[in-house]
């Protein structure tokens, strides 16, 4: 399902015009991105959490050059679904 599909579904279910729904969806995504870039997690009860995970420093190999490189510690965004969400998907 694409963003356009999501916008169409919401517009159909609520009766709100697509332009307004699109602006709302894009605004939501922007708020989540901004919060995560400030290292603030976003918790949506009953849906899930957008969180920042820490990755430790590790050693990797570049096979084509036969060299070893160090990948520094870094943070990545992640999504952890709520238990009710997981149970709904399992059914």
N, C-alpha and C. Protein backbone atom coordinates (compact mmCIF):
# COMPACT_ATOMS: atom_id res chain seq x y z
N UNK A 1 0.85 -1.17 0.00
CA UNK A 1 0.00 0.00 0.00
C UNK A 1 0.90 1.24 0.00
N UNK A 2 0.64 2.14 -0.90
CA UNK A 2 1.44 3.36 -1.02
C UNK A 2 0.78 4.50 -0.24
N UNK A 3 1.48 5.63 -0.17
CA UNK A 3 0.93 6.79 0.52
C UNK A 3 -0.36 7.24 -0.17
N UNK A 4 -0.40 7.18 -1.49
CA UNK A 4 -1.61 7.55 -2.23
C UNK A 4 -2.78 6.63 -1.87
N UNK A 5 -2.50 5.34 -1.72
CA UNK A 5 -3.54 4.39 -1.32
C UNK A 5 -4.06 4.71 0.08
N UNK A 6 -3.16 5.05 0.98
CA UNK A 6 -3.55 5.41 2.35
C UNK A 6 -4.44 6.65 2.32
N UNK A 7 -4.04 7.65 1.56
CA UNK A 7 -4.82 8.89 1.45
C UNK A 7 -6.20 8.59 0.88
N UNK A 8 -6.27 7.76 -0.15
CA UNK A 8 -7.57 7.42 -0.75
C UNK A 8 -8.46 6.69 0.24
N UNK A 9 -7.91 5.74 1.00
CA UNK A 9 -8.70 5.00 2.00
C UNK A 9 -9.24 5.93 3.08
N UNK A 10 -8.37 6.80 3.60
CA UNK A 10 -8.81 7.72 4.66
C UNK A 10 -9.88 8.66 4.13
N UNK A 11 -9.68 9.18 2.92
CA UNK A 11 -10.66 10.10 2.33
C UNK A 11 -12.00 9.39 2.13
N UNK A 12 -11.96 8.15 1.68
CA UNK A 12 -13.18 7.38 1.45
C UNK A 12 -13.89 7.08 2.78
N UNK A 13 -13.14 6.72 3.82
CA UNK A 13 -13.73 6.35 5.10
C UNK A 13 -14.26 7.54 5.90
N UNK A 14 -13.63 8.71 5.74
CA UNK A 14 -14.02 9.86 6.56
C UNK A 14 -14.85 10.89 5.82
N UNK A 15 -14.78 10.88 4.49
CA UNK A 15 -15.50 11.89 3.72
C UNK A 15 -14.75 13.21 3.60
N UNK A 16 -13.52 13.25 4.09
CA UNK A 16 -12.69 14.45 3.98
C UNK A 16 -12.02 14.43 2.61
N UNK A 17 -11.84 15.62 2.01
CA UNK A 17 -11.25 15.66 0.67
C UNK A 17 -9.79 15.21 0.70
N UNK A 18 -9.33 14.69 -0.43
CA UNK A 18 -8.00 14.08 -0.53
C UNK A 18 -6.88 15.08 -0.26
N UNK A 19 -7.06 16.32 -0.65
CA UNK A 19 -6.01 17.33 -0.46
C UNK A 19 -5.75 17.53 1.04
N UNK A 20 -6.82 17.61 1.81
CA UNK A 20 -6.69 17.79 3.26
C UNK A 20 -6.07 16.56 3.90
N UNK A 21 -6.50 15.39 3.48
CA UNK A 21 -5.96 14.14 4.03
C UNK A 21 -4.47 14.02 3.70
N UNK A 22 -4.10 14.35 2.46
CA UNK A 22 -2.70 14.28 2.05
C UNK A 22 -1.85 15.22 2.90
N UNK A 23 -2.33 16.44 3.12
CA UNK A 23 -1.59 17.41 3.94
C UNK A 23 -1.44 16.89 5.37
N UNK A 24 -2.47 16.24 5.89
CA UNK A 24 -2.43 15.70 7.25
C UNK A 24 -1.43 14.55 7.34
N UNK A 25 -1.47 13.64 6.38
CA UNK A 25 -0.55 12.49 6.39
C UNK A 25 0.89 12.96 6.26
N UNK A 26 1.15 13.90 5.36
CA UNK A 26 2.50 14.41 5.19
C UNK A 26 2.97 15.16 6.43
N UNK A 27 2.07 15.89 7.07
CA UNK A 27 2.40 16.60 8.30
C UNK A 27 2.74 15.62 9.41
N UNK A 28 1.98 14.52 9.51
CA UNK A 28 2.25 13.49 10.51
C UNK A 28 3.65 12.90 10.30
N UNK A 29 3.97 12.56 9.05
CA UNK A 29 5.27 11.98 8.76
C UNK A 29 6.39 12.97 9.07
N UNK A 30 6.18 14.23 8.80
CA UNK A 30 7.18 15.26 9.09
C UNK A 30 7.40 15.40 10.60
N UNK A 31 6.32 15.36 11.37
CA UNK A 31 6.43 15.46 12.83
C UNK A 31 7.21 14.26 13.38
N UNK A 32 6.93 13.07 12.87
CA UNK A 32 7.65 11.87 13.33
C UNK A 32 9.14 11.99 12.98
N UNK A 33 9.46 12.40 11.74
CA UNK A 33 10.86 12.55 11.33
C UNK A 33 11.57 13.58 12.18
N UNK A 34 10.92 14.73 12.42
CA UNK A 34 11.54 15.78 13.23
C UNK A 34 11.78 15.32 14.66
N UNK A 35 10.83 14.61 15.23
CA UNK A 35 10.98 14.11 16.60
C UNK A 35 12.13 13.12 16.69
N UNK A 36 12.20 12.20 15.75
CA UNK A 36 13.27 11.22 15.77
C UNK A 36 14.64 11.86 15.53
N UNK A 37 14.69 12.89 14.70
CA UNK A 37 15.97 13.57 14.46
C UNK A 37 16.44 14.31 15.71
N UNK A 38 15.51 14.66 16.61
CA UNK A 38 15.86 15.27 17.89
C UNK A 38 16.03 14.21 18.98
N UNK A 39 16.06 12.94 18.59
CA UNK A 39 16.22 11.79 19.49
C UNK A 39 15.07 11.69 20.49
N UNK A 40 13.87 12.05 20.05
CA UNK A 40 12.67 11.90 20.86
C UNK A 40 11.81 10.80 20.24
N UNK A 41 11.48 9.78 21.04
CA UNK A 41 10.65 8.70 20.55
C UNK A 41 9.21 9.15 20.41
N UNK A 42 8.46 8.51 19.52
CA UNK A 42 7.04 8.83 19.30
C UNK A 42 6.24 7.58 19.66
N UNK A 43 5.32 7.73 20.64
CA UNK A 43 4.52 6.61 21.12
C UNK A 43 3.07 6.81 20.71
N UNK A 44 2.49 5.84 19.99
CA UNK A 44 1.10 5.88 19.57
C UNK A 44 0.40 4.68 20.19
N UNK A 45 -0.33 4.91 21.27
CA UNK A 45 -0.97 3.83 22.01
C UNK A 45 -1.89 3.01 21.10
N UNK A 46 -1.75 1.70 21.16
CA UNK A 46 -2.56 0.80 20.36
C UNK A 46 -2.04 0.59 18.95
N UNK A 47 -1.03 1.37 18.55
CA UNK A 47 -0.45 1.23 17.21
C UNK A 47 1.00 0.78 17.30
N UNK A 48 1.83 1.58 17.96
CA UNK A 48 3.24 1.23 18.10
C UNK A 48 4.08 2.44 18.43
N UNK A 49 5.39 2.24 18.42
CA UNK A 49 6.33 3.29 18.78
C UNK A 49 7.38 3.45 17.70
N UNK A 50 7.67 4.68 17.36
CA UNK A 50 8.79 5.01 16.49
C UNK A 50 9.92 5.37 17.44
N UNK A 51 11.00 4.59 17.42
CA UNK A 51 12.07 4.77 18.39
C UNK A 51 13.42 4.87 17.69
N UNK A 52 14.41 5.35 18.43
CA UNK A 52 15.78 5.42 17.96
C UNK A 52 16.55 4.28 18.60
N UNK A 53 17.24 3.47 17.78
CA UNK A 53 18.05 2.37 18.30
C UNK A 53 19.53 2.71 18.11
N UNK A 54 20.33 2.28 19.07
CA UNK A 54 21.77 2.47 19.01
C UNK A 54 22.41 1.24 18.37
N UNK A 55 23.26 1.45 17.42
CA UNK A 55 24.05 0.37 16.83
C UNK A 55 25.49 0.52 17.32
N UNK A 56 26.07 -0.54 17.82
CA UNK A 56 27.43 -0.49 18.34
C UNK A 56 28.44 -0.44 17.19
N UNK A 57 29.65 0.01 17.50
CA UNK A 57 30.73 0.01 16.51
C UNK A 57 31.05 -1.44 16.16
N UNK A 58 31.35 -1.68 14.88
CA UNK A 58 31.69 -3.04 14.49
C UNK A 58 32.72 -3.03 13.37
N UNK A 59 33.35 -4.16 13.21
CA UNK A 59 34.35 -4.34 12.16
C UNK A 59 33.70 -5.09 11.01
N UNK A 60 33.94 -4.61 9.80
CA UNK A 60 33.39 -5.24 8.60
C UNK A 60 34.51 -5.45 7.60
N UNK A 61 34.24 -6.25 6.59
CA UNK A 61 35.25 -6.51 5.57
C UNK A 61 34.74 -6.07 4.21
N UNK A 62 35.63 -5.44 3.47
CA UNK A 62 35.38 -5.11 2.08
C UNK A 62 36.00 -6.25 1.27
N UNK A 63 35.17 -7.15 0.79
CA UNK A 63 35.66 -8.36 0.15
C UNK A 63 36.40 -8.05 -1.16
N UNK A 64 35.92 -7.08 -1.92
CA UNK A 64 36.54 -6.81 -3.22
C UNK A 64 37.96 -6.26 -3.07
N UNK A 65 38.22 -5.48 -2.01
CA UNK A 65 39.56 -4.91 -1.79
C UNK A 65 40.33 -5.70 -0.73
N UNK A 66 39.68 -6.68 -0.11
CA UNK A 66 40.30 -7.49 0.94
C UNK A 66 40.85 -6.62 2.07
N UNK A 67 40.02 -5.67 2.52
CA UNK A 67 40.41 -4.79 3.61
C UNK A 67 39.37 -4.85 4.72
N UNK A 68 39.78 -4.41 5.88
CA UNK A 68 38.89 -4.35 7.04
C UNK A 68 38.54 -2.89 7.28
N UNK A 69 37.28 -2.63 7.55
CA UNK A 69 36.86 -1.26 7.85
C UNK A 69 36.10 -1.26 9.17
N UNK A 70 36.13 -0.13 9.83
CA UNK A 70 35.40 0.05 11.09
C UNK A 70 34.14 0.85 10.79
N UNK A 71 33.00 0.29 11.17
CA UNK A 71 31.73 1.01 11.04
C UNK A 71 31.46 1.63 12.41
N UNK A 72 31.44 2.96 12.49
CA UNK A 72 31.27 3.59 13.80
C UNK A 72 29.89 3.36 14.40
N UNK A 73 29.78 3.56 15.70
CA UNK A 73 28.49 3.47 16.38
C UNK A 73 27.57 4.53 15.79
N UNK A 74 26.30 4.18 15.62
CA UNK A 74 25.35 5.13 15.05
C UNK A 74 23.94 4.81 15.53
N UNK A 75 23.04 5.73 15.27
CA UNK A 75 21.64 5.57 15.66
C UNK A 75 20.79 5.41 14.41
N UNK A 76 19.76 4.54 14.51
CA UNK A 76 18.87 4.34 13.38
C UNK A 76 17.42 4.39 13.87
N UNK A 77 16.50 4.85 13.02
CA UNK A 77 15.08 4.83 13.40
C UNK A 77 14.53 3.41 13.30
N UNK A 78 13.54 3.12 14.14
CA UNK A 78 12.94 1.80 14.16
C UNK A 78 11.47 1.93 14.55
N UNK A 79 10.68 0.92 14.20
CA UNK A 79 9.27 0.89 14.59
C UNK A 79 9.02 -0.38 15.38
N UNK A 80 8.39 -0.23 16.53
CA UNK A 80 8.02 -1.37 17.36
C UNK A 80 6.51 -1.38 17.48
N UNK A 81 5.83 -2.37 16.89
CA UNK A 81 4.37 -2.39 16.94
C UNK A 81 3.85 -2.72 18.34
N UNK A 82 2.67 -2.20 18.66
CA UNK A 82 2.02 -2.49 19.93
C UNK A 82 1.49 -3.92 19.91
N UNK A 83 1.30 -4.49 21.11
CA UNK A 83 0.82 -5.87 21.20
C UNK A 83 -0.53 -6.05 20.53
N UNK A 84 -1.42 -5.07 20.68
CA UNK A 84 -2.75 -5.18 20.06
C UNK A 84 -2.62 -5.17 18.54
N UNK A 85 -1.68 -4.40 18.01
CA UNK A 85 -1.42 -4.35 16.58
C UNK A 85 -0.90 -5.71 16.10
N UNK A 86 0.06 -6.27 16.81
CA UNK A 86 0.63 -7.57 16.44
C UNK A 86 -0.44 -8.65 16.46
N UNK A 87 -1.27 -8.65 17.51
CA UNK A 87 -2.33 -9.65 17.61
C UNK A 87 -3.35 -9.52 16.48
N UNK A 88 -3.67 -8.29 16.07
CA UNK A 88 -4.61 -8.07 14.98
C UNK A 88 -4.06 -8.60 13.66
N UNK A 89 -2.75 -8.46 13.46
CA UNK A 89 -2.12 -8.94 12.23
C UNK A 89 -2.05 -10.46 12.22
N UNK A 90 -1.84 -11.07 13.40
CA UNK A 90 -1.74 -12.52 13.49
C UNK A 90 -3.05 -13.21 13.14
N UNK A 91 -4.18 -12.57 13.42
CA UNK A 91 -5.49 -13.20 13.18
C UNK A 91 -5.86 -13.24 11.74
